[in-house]
Amino acid sequence: MTATSTVATQAPYQARPGRGTLVAGDLAELRGPASGTVELPLWLFWCPDRTFDLDDPATLRWMYQTVLREASRPEDLTAFLNGDTLVALWPDLFLPRGVRQAWEERYPVLRGAPAVAA
């Protein structure tokens, strides 16, 4: 078994036509930043300014939505998502049905996550 296969799996659901959904193998492996400023790589966010202020709740949600939709490598998930933050934000994230279904199927705790006050 390779290290990659223990970190994330390709779900049978799509983020959009032609783009599969990548799901982390373990929420504890998501050790990305929960605060500060993050710059996403071009393959995740196609914009000249790819920086996100994670201390701003709206920007934090936007970055998580982007990474969950666009991740194509396990490192995309582990480098930019934080497991505890993901669980807290989950009810407020606007995600394609396939992304939400894939993650909730793997992690039922997300289905019951309470909404975070903005």
PDB file of N, CA and C in Angstrom:
ATOM      1  N   MET A   1       0.851  -1.180   0.000  1.00  0.00           N
ATOM      2  CA  MET A   1       0.000   0.000   0.000  1.00  0.00           C
ATOM      3  C   MET A   1       0.891   1.236   0.000  1.00  0.00           C
ATOM      4  N   THR A   2       0.589   2.207  -0.834  1.00  0.00           N
ATOM      5  CA  THR A   2       1.382   3.420  -0.907  1.00  0.00           C
ATOM      6  C   THR A   2       0.889   4.431   0.114  1.00  0.00           C
ATOM      7  N   ALA A   3       1.743   5.393   0.424  1.00  0.00           N
ATOM      8  CA  ALA A   3       1.352   6.436   1.374  1.00  0.00           C
ATOM      9  C   ALA A   3       0.143   7.212   0.855  1.00  0.00           C
ATOM     10  N   THR A   4       0.090   7.440  -0.430  1.00  0.00           N
ATOM     11  CA  THR A   4      -1.018   8.189  -1.024  1.00  0.00           C
ATOM     12  C   THR A   4      -2.348   7.495  -0.794  1.00  0.00           C
ATOM     13  N   SER A   5      -2.384   6.171  -0.909  1.00  0.00           N
ATOM     14  CA  SER A   5      -3.657   5.476  -0.775  1.00  0.00           C
ATOM     15  C   SER A   5      -4.185   5.522   0.654  1.00  0.00           C
ATOM     16  N   THR A   6      -3.325   5.759   1.653  1.00  0.00           N
ATOM     17  CA  THR A   6      -3.808   5.869   3.017  1.00  0.00           C
ATOM     18  C   THR A   6      -4.282   7.277   3.340  1.00  0.00           C
ATOM     19  N   VAL A   7      -3.917   8.248   2.516  1.00  0.00           N
ATOM     20  CA  VAL A   7      -4.258   9.631   2.791  1.00  0.00           C
ATOM     21  C   VAL A   7      -5.598  10.021   2.188  1.00  0.00           C
ATOM     22  N   ALA A   8      -5.869   9.609   0.959  1.00  0.00           N
ATOM     23  CA  ALA A   8      -7.096  10.054   0.296  1.00  0.00           C
ATOM     24  C   ALA A   8      -7.542   9.016  -0.722  1.00  0.00           C
ATOM     25  N   THR A   9      -8.836   9.029  -1.006  1.00  0.00           N
ATOM     26  CA  THR A   9      -9.384   8.134  -2.023  1.00  0.00           C
ATOM     27  C   THR A   9     -10.239   8.942  -2.986  1.00  0.00           C
ATOM     28  N   GLN A  10     -10.295   8.444  -4.199  1.00  0.00           N
ATOM     29  CA  GLN A  10     -11.147   9.071  -5.212  1.00  0.00           C
ATOM     30  C   GLN A  10     -12.558   8.520  -5.021  1.00  0.00           C
ATOM     31  N   ALA A  11     -13.499   9.380  -4.743  1.00  0.00           N
ATOM     32  CA  ALA A  11     -14.885   8.978  -4.528  1.00  0.00           C
ATOM     33  C   ALA A  11     -15.585   8.792  -5.872  1.00  0.00           C
ATOM     34  N   PRO A  12     -16.654   7.999  -5.902  1.00  0.00           N
ATOM     35  CA  PRO A  12     -17.385   7.807  -7.158  1.00  0.00           C
ATOM     36  C   PRO A  12     -18.238   9.011  -7.547  1.00  0.00           C
ATOM     37  N   TYR A  13     -18.219  10.057  -6.726  1.00  0.00           N
ATOM     38  CA  TYR A  13     -19.018  11.242  -6.993  1.00  0.00           C
ATOM     39  C   TYR A  13     -18.160  12.315  -7.651  1.00  0.00           C
ATOM     40  N   GLN A  14     -18.804  13.208  -8.383  1.00  0.00           N
ATOM     41  CA  GLN A  14     -18.063  14.241  -9.086  1.00  0.00           C
ATOM     42  C   GLN A  14     -18.284  15.622  -8.475  1.00  0.00           C
ATOM     43  N   ALA A  15     -17.209  16.403  -8.479  1.00  0.00           N
ATOM     44  CA  ALA A  15     -17.302  17.791  -8.046  1.00  0.00           C
ATOM     45  C   ALA A  15     -17.974  18.620  -9.138  1.00  0.00           C
ATOM     46  N   ARG A  16     -17.732  18.224 -10.383  1.00  0.00           N
ATOM     47  CA  ARG A  16     -18.363  18.807 -11.572  1.00  0.00           C
ATOM     48  C   ARG A  16     -18.132  17.795 -12.687  1.00  0.00           C
ATOM     49  N   PRO A  17     -18.788  17.915 -13.807  1.00  0.00           N
ATOM     50  CA  PRO A  17     -18.585  16.935 -14.882  1.00  0.00           C
ATOM     51  C   PRO A  17     -17.112  16.794 -15.255  1.00  0.00           C
ATOM     52  N   GLY A  18     -16.638  15.573 -15.193  1.00  0.00           N
ATOM     53  CA  GLY A  18     -15.255  15.282 -15.546  1.00  0.00           C
ATOM     54  C   GLY A  18     -14.262  15.460 -14.422  1.00  0.00           C
ATOM     55  N   ARG A  19     -14.697  15.936 -13.263  1.00  0.00           N
ATOM     56  CA  ARG A  19     -13.787  16.154 -12.137  1.00  0.00           C
ATOM     57  C   ARG A  19     -14.269  15.345 -10.946  1.00  0.00           C
ATOM     58  N   GLY A  20     -13.498  14.332 -10.580  1.00  0.00           N
ATOM     59  CA  GLY A  20     -13.848  13.503  -9.439  1.00  0.00           C
ATOM     60  C   GLY A  20     -13.664  14.251  -8.131  1.00  0.00           C
ATOM     61  N   THR A  21     -14.134  13.634  -7.064  1.00  0.00           N
ATOM     62  CA  THR A  21     -14.006  14.196  -5.726  1.00  0.00           C
ATOM     63  C   THR A  21     -12.981  13.388  -4.953  1.00  0.00           C
ATOM     64  N   LEU A  22     -12.012  14.063  -4.386  1.00  0.00           N
ATOM     65  CA  LEU A  22     -10.990  13.435  -3.569  1.00  0.00           C
ATOM     66  C   LEU A  22     -11.389  13.590  -2.112  1.00  0.00           C
ATOM     67  N   VAL A  23     -11.342  12.482  -1.355  1.00  0.00           N
ATOM     68  CA  VAL A  23     -11.742  12.498   0.053  1.00  0.00           C
ATOM     69  C   VAL A  23     -10.571  12.007   0.900  1.00  0.00           C
ATOM     70  N   ALA A  24     -10.284  12.712   1.965  1.00  0.00           N
ATOM     71  CA  ALA A  24      -9.201  12.334   2.867  1.00  0.00           C
ATOM     72  C   ALA A  24      -9.470  10.972   3.487  1.00  0.00           C
ATOM     73  N   GLY A  25      -8.419  10.217   3.689  1.00  0.00           N
ATOM     74  CA  GLY A  25      -8.537   8.910   4.322  1.00  0.00           C
ATOM     75  C   GLY A  25      -8.791   9.001   5.813  1.00  0.00           C
ATOM     76  N   ASP A  26      -8.403  10.116   6.428  1.00  0.00           N
ATOM     77  CA  ASP A  26      -8.575  10.300   7.861  1.00  0.00           C
ATOM     78  C   ASP A  26      -8.609  11.799   8.146  1.00  0.00           C
ATOM     79  N   LEU A  27      -9.621  12.266   8.840  1.00  0.00           N
ATOM     80  CA  LEU A  27      -9.714  13.691   9.156  1.00  0.00           C
ATOM     81  C   LEU A  27      -8.514  14.172   9.967  1.00  0.00           C
ATOM     82  N   ALA A  28      -7.918  13.282  10.769  1.00  0.00           N
ATOM     83  CA  ALA A  28      -6.759  13.654  11.575  1.00  0.00           C
ATOM     84  C   ALA A  28      -5.543  13.988  10.716  1.00  0.00           C
ATOM     85  N   GLU A  29      -5.526  13.510   9.477  1.00  0.00           N
ATOM     86  CA  GLU A  29      -4.406  13.807   8.573  1.00  0.00           C
ATOM     87  C   GLU A  29      -4.510  15.207   7.977  1.00  0.00           C
ATOM     88  N   LEU A  30      -5.647  15.853   8.146  1.00  0.00           N
ATOM     89  CA  LEU A  30      -5.826  17.213   7.629  1.00  0.00           C
ATOM     90  C   LEU A  30      -5.271  18.180   8.670  1.00  0.00           C
ATOM     91  N   ARG A  31      -4.022  18.572   8.482  1.00  0.00           N
ATOM     92  CA  ARG A  31      -3.329  19.402   9.464  1.00  0.00           C
ATOM     93  C   ARG A  31      -2.941  20.759   8.896  1.00  0.00           C
ATOM     94  N   GLY A  32      -3.708  21.226   7.927  1.00  0.00           N
ATOM     95  CA  GLY A  32      -3.423  22.531   7.331  1.00  0.00           C
ATOM     96  C   GLY A  32      -3.690  23.655   8.314  1.00  0.00           C
ATOM     97  N   PRO A  33      -3.352  24.872   7.919  1.00  0.00           N
ATOM     98  CA  PRO A  33      -3.523  26.026   8.814  1.00  0.00           C
ATOM     99  C   PRO A  33      -4.988  26.329   9.088  1.00  0.00           C
ATOM    100  N   ALA A  34      -5.239  26.852  10.291  1.00  0.00           N
ATOM    101  CA  ALA A  34      -6.593  27.258  10.668  1.00  0.00           C
ATOM    102  C   ALA A  34      -6.687  28.772  10.809  1.00  0.00           C
ATOM    103  N   SER A  35      -5.554  29.453  10.711  1.00  0.00           N
ATOM    104  CA  SER A  35      -5.545  30.908  10.789  1.00  0.00           C
ATOM    105  C   SER A  35      -4.344  31.426  10.007  1.00  0.00           C
ATOM    106  N   GLY A  36      -4.301  32.749   9.847  1.00  0.00           N
ATOM    107  CA  GLY A  36      -3.202  33.350   9.100  1.00  0.00           C
ATOM    108  C   GLY A  36      -3.560  33.516   7.634  1.00  0.00           C
ATOM    109  N   THR A  37      -2.542  33.703   6.825  1.00  0.00           N
ATOM    110  CA  THR A  37      -2.721  33.912   5.391  1.00  0.00           C
ATOM    111  C   THR A  37      -2.175  32.713   4.640  1.00  0.00           C
ATOM    112  N   VAL A  38      -2.932  32.259   3.640  1.00  0.00           N
ATOM    113  CA  VAL A  38      -2.546  31.113   2.821  1.00  0.00           C
ATOM    114  C   VAL A  38      -2.614  31.515   1.361  1.00  0.00           C
ATOM    115  N   GLU A  39      -1.641  31.060   0.592  1.00  0.00           N
ATOM    116  CA  GLU A  39      -1.684  31.256  -0.856  1.00  0.00           C
ATOM    117  C   GLU A  39      -1.867  29.892  -1.506  1.00  0.00           C
ATOM    118  N   LEU A  40      -2.977  29.733  -2.210  1.00  0.00           N
ATOM    119  CA  LEU A  40      -3.240  28.477  -2.905  1.00  0.00           C
ATOM    120  C   LEU A  40      -2.435  28.423  -4.198  1.00  0.00           C
ATOM    121  N   PRO A  41      -2.020  27.226  -4.590  1.00  0.00           N
ATOM    122  CA  PRO A  41      -1.332  27.092  -5.877  1.00  0.00           C
ATOM    123  C   PRO A  41      -2.304  27.319  -7.033  1.00  0.00           C
ATOM    124  N   LEU A  42      -1.745  27.640  -8.174  1.00  0.00           N
ATOM    125  CA  LEU A  42      -2.538  27.960  -9.350  1.00  0.00           C
ATOM    126  C   LEU A  42      -3.478  26.836  -9.761  1.00  0.00           C
ATOM    127  N   TRP A  43      -3.073  25.571  -9.588  1.00  0.00           N
ATOM    128  CA  TRP A  43      -3.937  24.460 -10.003  1.00  0.00           C
ATOM    129  C   TRP A  43      -5.186  24.328  -9.126  1.00  0.00           C
ATOM    130  N   LEU A  44      -5.198  24.980  -7.959  1.00  0.00           N
ATOM    131  CA  LEU A  44      -6.391  24.962  -7.114  1.00  0.00           C
ATOM    132  C   LEU A  44      -7.251  26.208  -7.293  1.00  0.00           C
ATOM    133  N   PHE A  45      -6.602  27.334  -7.585  1.00  0.00           N
ATOM    134  CA  PHE A  45      -7.346  28.595  -7.685  1.00  0.00           C
ATOM    135  C   PHE A  45      -6.730  29.427  -8.800  1.00  0.00           C
ATOM    136  N   TRP A  46      -7.466  29.610  -9.883  1.00  0.00           N
ATOM    137  CA  TRP A  46      -6.952  30.250 -11.096  1.00  0.00           C
ATOM    138  C   TRP A  46      -7.210  31.745 -11.075  1.00  0.00           C
ATOM    139  N   CYS A  47      -6.484  32.424 -10.233  1.00  0.00           N
ATOM    140  CA  CYS A  47      -6.669  33.863 -10.099  1.00  0.00           C
ATOM    141  C   CYS A  47      -5.301  34.480  -9.792  1.00  0.00           C
ATOM    142  N   PRO A  48      -5.039  35.701 -10.282  1.00  0.00           N
ATOM    143  CA  PRO A  48      -3.741  36.310  -9.982  1.00  0.00           C
ATOM    144  C   PRO A  48      -3.474  36.440  -8.480  1.00  0.00           C
ATOM    145  N   ASP A  49      -4.492  36.849  -7.709  1.00  0.00           N
ATOM    146  CA  ASP A  49      -4.338  36.933  -6.257  1.00  0.00           C
ATOM    147  C   ASP A  49      -4.955  35.677  -5.652  1.00  0.00           C
ATOM    148  N   ARG A  50      -4.094  34.782  -5.208  1.00  0.00           N
ATOM    149  CA  ARG A  50      -4.551  33.500  -4.673  1.00  0.00           C
ATOM    150  C   ARG A  50      -4.397  33.423  -3.158  1.00  0.00           C
ATOM    151  N   THR A  51      -4.325  34.574  -2.489  1.00  0.00           N
ATOM    152  CA  THR A  51      -4.147  34.585  -1.038  1.00  0.00           C
ATOM    153  C   THR A  51      -5.504  34.662  -0.334  1.00  0.00           C
ATOM    154  N   PHE A  52      -5.555  33.974   0.787  1.00  0.00           N
ATOM    155  CA  PHE A  52      -6.766  33.905   1.598  1.00  0.00           C
ATOM    156  C   PHE A  52      -6.413  34.225   3.038  1.00  0.00           C
ATOM    157  N   ASP A  53      -7.157  35.149   3.644  1.00  0.00           N
ATOM    158  CA  ASP A  53      -6.997  35.492   5.055  1.00  0.00           C
ATOM    159  C   ASP A  53      -7.927  34.574   5.845  1.00  0.00           C
ATOM    160  N   LEU A  54      -7.343  33.575   6.479  1.00  0.00           N
ATOM    161  CA  LEU A  54      -8.154  32.577   7.181  1.00  0.00           C
ATOM    162  C   LEU A  54      -8.768  33.118   8.465  1.00  0.00           C
ATOM    163  N   ASP A  55      -8.356  34.311   8.888  1.00  0.00           N
ATOM    164  CA  ASP A  55      -8.959  34.915  10.077  1.00  0.00           C
ATOM    165  C   ASP A  55     -10.273  35.622   9.748  1.00  0.00           C
ATOM    166  N   ASP A  56     -10.582  35.742   8.470  1.00  0.00           N
ATOM    167  CA  ASP A  56     -11.867  36.282   8.018  1.00  0.00           C
ATOM    168  C   ASP A  56     -12.785  35.085   7.726  1.00  0.00           C
ATOM    169  N   PRO A  57     -13.881  34.919   8.468  1.00  0.00           N
ATOM    170  CA  PRO A  57     -14.730  33.732   8.302  1.00  0.00           C
ATOM    171  C   PRO A  57     -15.211  33.497   6.870  1.00  0.00           C
ATOM    172  N   ALA A  58     -15.579  34.546   6.158  1.00  0.00           N
ATOM    173  CA  ALA A  58     -16.070  34.371   4.788  1.00  0.00           C
ATOM    174  C   ALA A  58     -14.954  33.882   3.867  1.00  0.00           C
ATOM    175  N   THR A  59     -13.763  34.409   4.036  1.00  0.00           N
ATOM    176  CA  THR A  59     -12.629  33.999   3.214  1.00  0.00           C
ATOM    177  C   THR A  59     -12.198  32.583   3.558  1.00  0.00           C
ATOM    178  N   LEU A  60     -12.247  32.249   4.825  1.00  0.00           N
ATOM    179  CA  LEU A  60     -11.933  30.884   5.260  1.00  0.00           C
ATOM    180  C   LEU A  60     -12.871  29.884   4.596  1.00  0.00           C
ATOM    181  N   ARG A  61     -14.182  30.152   4.608  1.00  0.00           N
ATOM    182  CA  ARG A  61     -15.153  29.265   3.964  1.00  0.00           C
ATOM    183  C   ARG A  61     -14.887  29.165   2.461  1.00  0.00           C
ATOM    184  N   TRP A  62     -14.579  30.283   1.843  1.00  0.00           N
ATOM    185  CA  TRP A  62     -14.306  30.315   0.403  1.00  0.00           C
ATOM    186  C   TRP A  62     -13.112  29.428   0.054  1.00  0.00           C
ATOM    187  N   MET A  63     -12.044  29.515   0.848  1.00  0.00           N
ATOM    188  CA  MET A  63     -10.872  28.679   0.575  1.00  0.00           C
ATOM    189  C   MET A  63     -11.204  27.191   0.747  1.00  0.00           C
ATOM    190  N   TYR A  64     -11.929  26.851   1.800  1.00  0.00           N
ATOM    191  CA  TYR A  64     -12.273  25.439   2.024  1.00  0.00           C
ATOM    192  C   TYR A  64     -13.136  24.907   0.879  1.00  0.00           C
ATOM    193  N   GLN A  65     -14.115  25.696   0.455  1.00  0.00           N
ATOM    194  CA  GLN A  65     -14.962  25.292  -0.667  1.00  0.00           C
ATOM    195  C   GLN A  65     -14.114  25.054  -1.916  1.00  0.00           C
ATOM    196  N   THR A  66     -13.180  25.945  -2.169  1.00  0.00           N
ATOM    197  CA  THR A  66     -12.312  25.835  -3.344  1.00  0.00           C
ATOM    198  C   THR A  66     -11.465  24.573  -3.283  1.00  0.00           C
ATOM    199  N   VAL A  67     -10.808  24.338  -2.160  1.00  0.00           N
ATOM    200  CA  VAL A  67      -9.942  23.158  -2.021  1.00  0.00           C
ATOM    201  C   VAL A  67     -10.757  21.872  -2.129  1.00  0.00           C
ATOM    202  N   LEU A  68     -11.909  21.821  -1.493  1.00  0.00           N
ATOM    203  CA  LEU A  68     -12.734  20.606  -1.557  1.00  0.00           C
ATOM    204  C   LEU A  68     -13.213  20.317  -2.976  1.00  0.00           C
ATOM    205  N   ARG A  69     -13.505  21.347  -3.748  1.00  0.00           N
ATOM    206  CA  ARG A  69     -13.946  21.169  -5.136  1.00  0.00           C
ATOM    207  C   ARG A  69     -12.802  20.832  -6.076  1.00  0.00           C
ATOM    208  N   GLU A  70     -11.647  21.439  -5.873  1.00  0.00           N
ATOM    209  CA  GLU A  70     -10.576  21.380  -6.861  1.00  0.00           C
ATOM    210  C   GLU A  70      -9.444  20.405  -6.540  1.00  0.00           C
ATOM    211  N   ALA A  71      -9.379  19.864  -5.351  1.00  0.00           N
ATOM    212  CA  ALA A  71      -8.263  18.985  -4.974  1.00  0.00           C
ATOM    213  C   ALA A  71      -8.147  17.804  -5.934  1.00  0.00           C
ATOM    214  N   SER A  72      -6.931  17.587  -6.400  1.00  0.00           N
ATOM    215  CA  SER A  72      -6.681  16.450  -7.285  1.00  0.00           C
ATOM    216  C   SER A  72      -5.559  15.559  -6.754  1.00  0.00           C
ATOM    217  N   ARG A  73      -4.918  15.993  -5.679  1.00  0.00           N
ATOM    218  CA  ARG A  73      -3.836  15.227  -5.065  1.00  0.00           C
ATOM    219  C   ARG A  73      -4.067  15.188  -3.558  1.00  0.00           C
ATOM    220  N   PRO A  74      -3.704  14.113  -2.900  1.00  0.00           N
ATOM    221  CA  PRO A  74      -3.867  14.059  -1.439  1.00  0.00           C
ATOM    222  C   PRO A  74      -3.199  15.229  -0.725  1.00  0.00           C
ATOM    223  N   GLU A  75      -2.071  15.670  -1.254  1.00  0.00           N
ATOM    224  CA  GLU A  75      -1.351  16.788  -0.636  1.00  0.00           C
ATOM    225  C   GLU A  75      -2.173  18.074  -0.653  1.00  0.00           C
ATOM    226  N   ASP A  76      -3.060  18.214  -1.616  1.00  0.00           N
ATOM    227  CA  ASP A  76      -3.931  19.392  -1.653  1.00  0.00           C
ATOM    228  C   ASP A  76      -4.808  19.433  -0.405  1.00  0.00           C
ATOM    229  N   LEU A  77      -5.285  18.292   0.012  1.00  0.00           N
ATOM    230  CA  LEU A  77      -6.148  18.218   1.185  1.00  0.00           C
ATOM    231  C   LEU A  77      -5.352  18.406   2.470  1.00  0.00           C
ATOM    232  N   THR A  78      -4.244  17.679   2.612  1.00  0.00           N
ATOM    233  CA  THR A  78      -3.485  17.727   3.859  1.00  0.00           C
ATOM    234  C   THR A  78      -2.772  19.059   4.072  1.00  0.00           C
ATOM    235  N   ALA A  79      -2.402  19.729   3.003  1.00  0.00           N
ATOM    236  CA  ALA A  79      -1.670  20.989   3.136  1.00  0.00           C
ATOM    237  C   ALA A  79      -2.578  22.181   3.430  1.00  0.00           C
ATOM    238  N   PHE A  80      -3.823  22.143   2.961  1.00  0.00           N
ATOM    239  CA  PHE A  80      -4.662  23.335   3.036  1.00  0.00           C
ATOM    240  C   PHE A  80      -5.908  23.188   3.900  1.00  0.00           C
ATOM    241  N   LEU A  81      -6.253  21.983   4.310  1.00  0.00           N
ATOM    242  CA  LEU A  81      -7.435  21.792   5.156  1.00  0.00           C
ATOM    243  C   LEU A  81      -7.020  21.349   6.551  1.00  0.00           C
ATOM    244  N   ASN A  82      -7.781  21.784   7.524  1.00  0.00           N
ATOM    245  CA  ASN A  82      -7.588  21.390   8.914  1.00  0.00           C
ATOM    246  C   ASN A  82      -8.840  20.614   9.328  1.00  0.00           C
ATOM    247  N   GLY A  83      -8.672  19.419   9.857  1.00  0.00           N
ATOM    248  CA  GLY A  83      -9.804  18.548  10.172  1.00  0.00           C
ATOM    249  C   GLY A  83     -10.818  19.173  11.112  1.00  0.00           C
ATOM    250  N   ASP A  84     -10.351  19.772  12.204  1.00  0.00           N
ATOM    251  CA  ASP A  84     -11.279  20.388  13.163  1.00  0.00           C
ATOM    252  C   ASP A  84     -12.020  21.570  12.533  1.00  0.00           C
ATOM    253  N   THR A  85     -11.292  22.354  11.760  1.00  0.00           N
ATOM    254  CA  THR A  85     -11.910  23.506  11.086  1.00  0.00           C
ATOM    255  C   THR A  85     -12.930  23.030  10.061  1.00  0.00           C
ATOM    256  N   LEU A  86     -12.601  21.964   9.344  1.00  0.00           N
ATOM    257  CA  LEU A  86     -13.529  21.423   8.348  1.00  0.00           C
ATOM    258  C   LEU A  86     -14.842  21.002   9.004  1.00  0.00           C
ATOM    259  N   VAL A  87     -14.759  20.300  10.110  1.00  0.00           N
ATOM    260  CA  VAL A  87     -15.974  19.855  10.806  1.00  0.00           C
ATOM    261  C   VAL A  87     -16.791  21.063  11.271  1.00  0.00           C
ATOM    262  N   ALA A  88     -16.119  22.074  11.795  1.00  0.00           N
ATOM    263  CA  ALA A  88     -16.825  23.266  12.277  1.00  0.00           C
ATOM    264  C   ALA A  88     -17.486  24.045  11.140  1.00  0.00           C
ATOM    265  N   LEU A  89     -16.818  24.124   9.995  1.00  0.00           N
ATOM    266  CA  LEU A  89     -17.342  24.898   8.866  1.00  0.00           C
ATOM    267  C   LEU A  89     -18.370  24.144   8.032  1.00  0.00           C
ATOM    268  N   TRP A  90     -18.349  22.831   8.095  1.00  0.00           N
ATOM    269  CA  TRP A  90     -19.090  21.980   7.163  1.00  0.00           C
ATOM    270  C   TRP A  90     -20.525  22.437   6.878  1.00  0.00           C
ATOM    271  N   PRO A  91     -21.340  22.719   7.894  1.00  0.00           N
ATOM    272  CA  PRO A  91     -22.739  23.081   7.602  1.00  0.00           C
ATOM    273  C   PRO A  91     -22.881  24.370   6.786  1.00  0.00           C
ATOM    274  N   ASP A  92     -21.871  25.227   6.830  1.00  0.00           N
ATOM    275  CA  ASP A  92     -21.949  26.516   6.153  1.00  0.00           C
ATOM    276  C   ASP A  92     -21.247  26.541   4.798  1.00  0.00           C
ATOM    277  N   LEU A  93     -20.698  25.414   4.384  1.00  0.00           N
ATOM    278  CA  LEU A  93     -19.996  25.376   3.105  1.00  0.00           C
ATOM    279  C   LEU A  93     -20.975  25.136   1.962  1.00  0.00           C
ATOM    280  N   PHE A  94     -20.799  25.893   0.882  1.00  0.00           N
ATOM    281  CA  PHE A  94     -21.593  25.732  -0.329  1.00  0.00           C
ATOM    282  C   PHE A  94     -20.782  24.840  -1.263  1.00  0.00           C
ATOM    283  N   LEU A  95     -21.205  23.585  -1.394  1.00  0.00           N
ATOM    284  CA  LEU A  95     -20.446  22.583  -2.143  1.00  0.00           C
ATOM    285  C   LEU A  95     -21.319  21.890  -3.177  1.00  0.00           C
ATOM    286  N   PRO A  96     -20.711  21.413  -4.251  1.00  0.00           N
ATOM    287  CA  PRO A  96     -21.471  20.589  -5.192  1.00  0.00           C
ATOM    288  C   PRO A  96     -21.991  19.335  -4.475  1.00  0.00           C
ATOM    289  N   ARG A  97     -23.131  18.870  -4.900  1.00  0.00           N
ATOM    290  CA  ARG A  97     -23.765  17.708  -4.275  1.00  0.00           C
ATOM    291  C   ARG A  97     -22.805  16.520  -4.179  1.00  0.00           C
ATOM    292  N   GLY A  98     -22.038  16.267  -5.240  1.00  0.00           N
ATOM    293  CA  GLY A  98     -21.125  15.134  -5.245  1.00  0.00           C
ATOM    294  C   GLY A  98     -20.035  15.244  -4.202  1.00  0.00           C
ATOM    295  N   VAL A  99     -19.523  16.435  -3.985  1.00  0.00           N
ATOM    296  CA  VAL A  99     -18.492  16.647  -2.968  1.00  0.00           C
ATOM    297  C   VAL A  99     -19.082  16.413  -1.588  1.00  0.00           C
ATOM    298  N   ARG A 100     -20.229  17.030  -1.327  1.00  0.00           N
ATOM    299  CA  ARG A 100     -20.868  16.864  -0.011  1.00  0.00           C
ATOM    300  C   ARG A 100     -21.200  15.395   0.244  1.00  0.00           C
ATOM    301  N   GLN A 101     -21.755  14.713  -0.741  1.00  0.00           N
ATOM    302  CA  GLN A 101     -22.144  13.313  -0.577  1.00  0.00           C
ATOM    303  C   GLN A 101     -20.924  12.434  -0.313  1.00  0.00           C
ATOM    304  N   ALA A 102     -19.843  12.648  -1.053  1.00  0.00           N
ATOM    305  CA  ALA A 102     -18.643  11.827  -0.881  1.00  0.00           C
ATOM    306  C   ALA A 102     -18.049  11.993   0.516  1.00  0.00           C
ATOM    307  N   TRP A 103     -17.927  13.219   0.975  1.00  0.00           N
ATOM    308  CA  TRP A 103     -17.342  13.461   2.291  1.00  0.00           C
ATOM    309  C   TRP A 103     -18.256  12.982   3.415  1.00  0.00           C
ATOM    310  N   GLU A 104     -19.561  13.204   3.302  1.00  0.00           N
ATOM    311  CA  GLU A 104     -20.480  12.768   4.359  1.00  0.00           C
ATOM    312  C   GLU A 104     -20.609  11.254   4.405  1.00  0.00           C
ATOM    313  N   GLU A 105     -20.469  10.600   3.267  1.00  0.00           N
ATOM    314  CA  GLU A 105     -20.505   9.141   3.249  1.00  0.00           C
ATOM    315  C   GLU A 105     -19.294   8.572   3.978  1.00  0.00           C
ATOM    316  N   ARG A 106     -18.150   9.187   3.784  1.00  0.00           N
ATOM    317  CA  ARG A 106     -16.910   8.736   4.431  1.00  0.00           C
ATOM    318  C   ARG A 106     -16.877   9.142   5.899  1.00  0.00           C
ATOM    319  N   TYR A 107     -17.417  10.333   6.211  1.00  0.00           N
ATOM    320  CA  TYR A 107     -17.386  10.884   7.572  1.00  0.00           C
ATOM    321  C   TYR A 107     -18.780  11.281   8.025  1.00  0.00           C
ATOM    322  N   PRO A 108     -19.549  10.346   8.582  1.00  0.00           N
ATOM    323  CA  PRO A 108     -20.915  10.659   9.026  1.00  0.00           C
ATOM    324  C   PRO A 108     -20.985  11.794  10.044  1.00  0.00           C
ATOM    325  N   VAL A 109     -19.892  12.062  10.765  1.00  0.00           N
ATOM    326  CA  VAL A 109     -19.870  13.161  11.721  1.00  0.00           C
ATOM    327  C   VAL A 109     -20.164  14.493  11.038  1.00  0.00           C
ATOM    328  N   LEU A 110     -19.839  14.601   9.766  1.00  0.00           N
ATOM    329  CA  LEU A 110     -20.110  15.841   9.046  1.00  0.00           C
ATOM    330  C   LEU A 110     -21.608  16.078   8.852  1.00  0.00           C
ATOM    331  N   ARG A 111     -22.373  15.014   8.708  1.00  0.00           N
ATOM    332  CA  ARG A 111     -23.819  15.145   8.519  1.00  0.00           C
ATOM    333  C   ARG A 111     -24.472  15.785   9.719  1.00  0.00           C
ATOM    334  N   GLY A 112     -23.940  15.514  10.889  1.00  0.00           N
ATOM    335  CA  GLY A 112     -24.544  16.023  12.107  1.00  0.00           C
ATOM    336  C   GLY A 112     -23.845  17.224  12.688  1.00  0.00           C
ATOM    337  N   ALA A 113     -22.895  17.819  11.940  1.00  0.00           N
ATOM    338  CA  ALA A 113     -22.164  18.966  12.456  1.00  0.00           C
ATOM    339  C   ALA A 113     -23.102  20.151  12.629  1.00  0.00           C
ATOM    340  N   PRO A 114     -23.063  20.798  13.813  1.00  0.00           N
ATOM    341  CA  PRO A 114     -23.934  21.954  14.024  1.00  0.00           C
ATOM    342  C   PRO A 114     -23.432  23.156  13.230  1.00  0.00           C
ATOM    343  N   ALA A 115     -24.340  24.030  12.838  1.00  0.00           N
ATOM    344  CA  ALA A 115     -23.977  25.232  12.089  1.00  0.00           C
ATOM    345  C   ALA A 115     -23.181  26.177  12.980  1.00  0.00           C
ATOM    346  N   VAL A 116     -22.210  26.856  12.390  1.00  0.00           N
ATOM    347  CA  VAL A 116     -21.362  27.799  13.104  1.00  0.00           C
ATOM    348  C   VAL A 116     -21.968  29.188  12.976  1.00  0.00           C
ATOM    349  N   ALA A 117     -21.977  29.919  14.074  1.00  0.00           N
ATOM    350  CA  ALA A 117     -22.481  31.294  14.014  1.00  0.00           C
ATOM    351  C   ALA A 117     -21.471  32.163  13.276  1.00  0.00           C
ATOM    352  N   ALA A 118     -21.965  32.977  12.356  1.00  0.00           N
ATOM    353  CA  ALA A 118     -21.054  33.824  11.539  1.00  0.00           C
ATOM    354  C   ALA A 118     -20.606  35.046  12.269  1.00  0.00           C
TER     355      ALA A 118
END
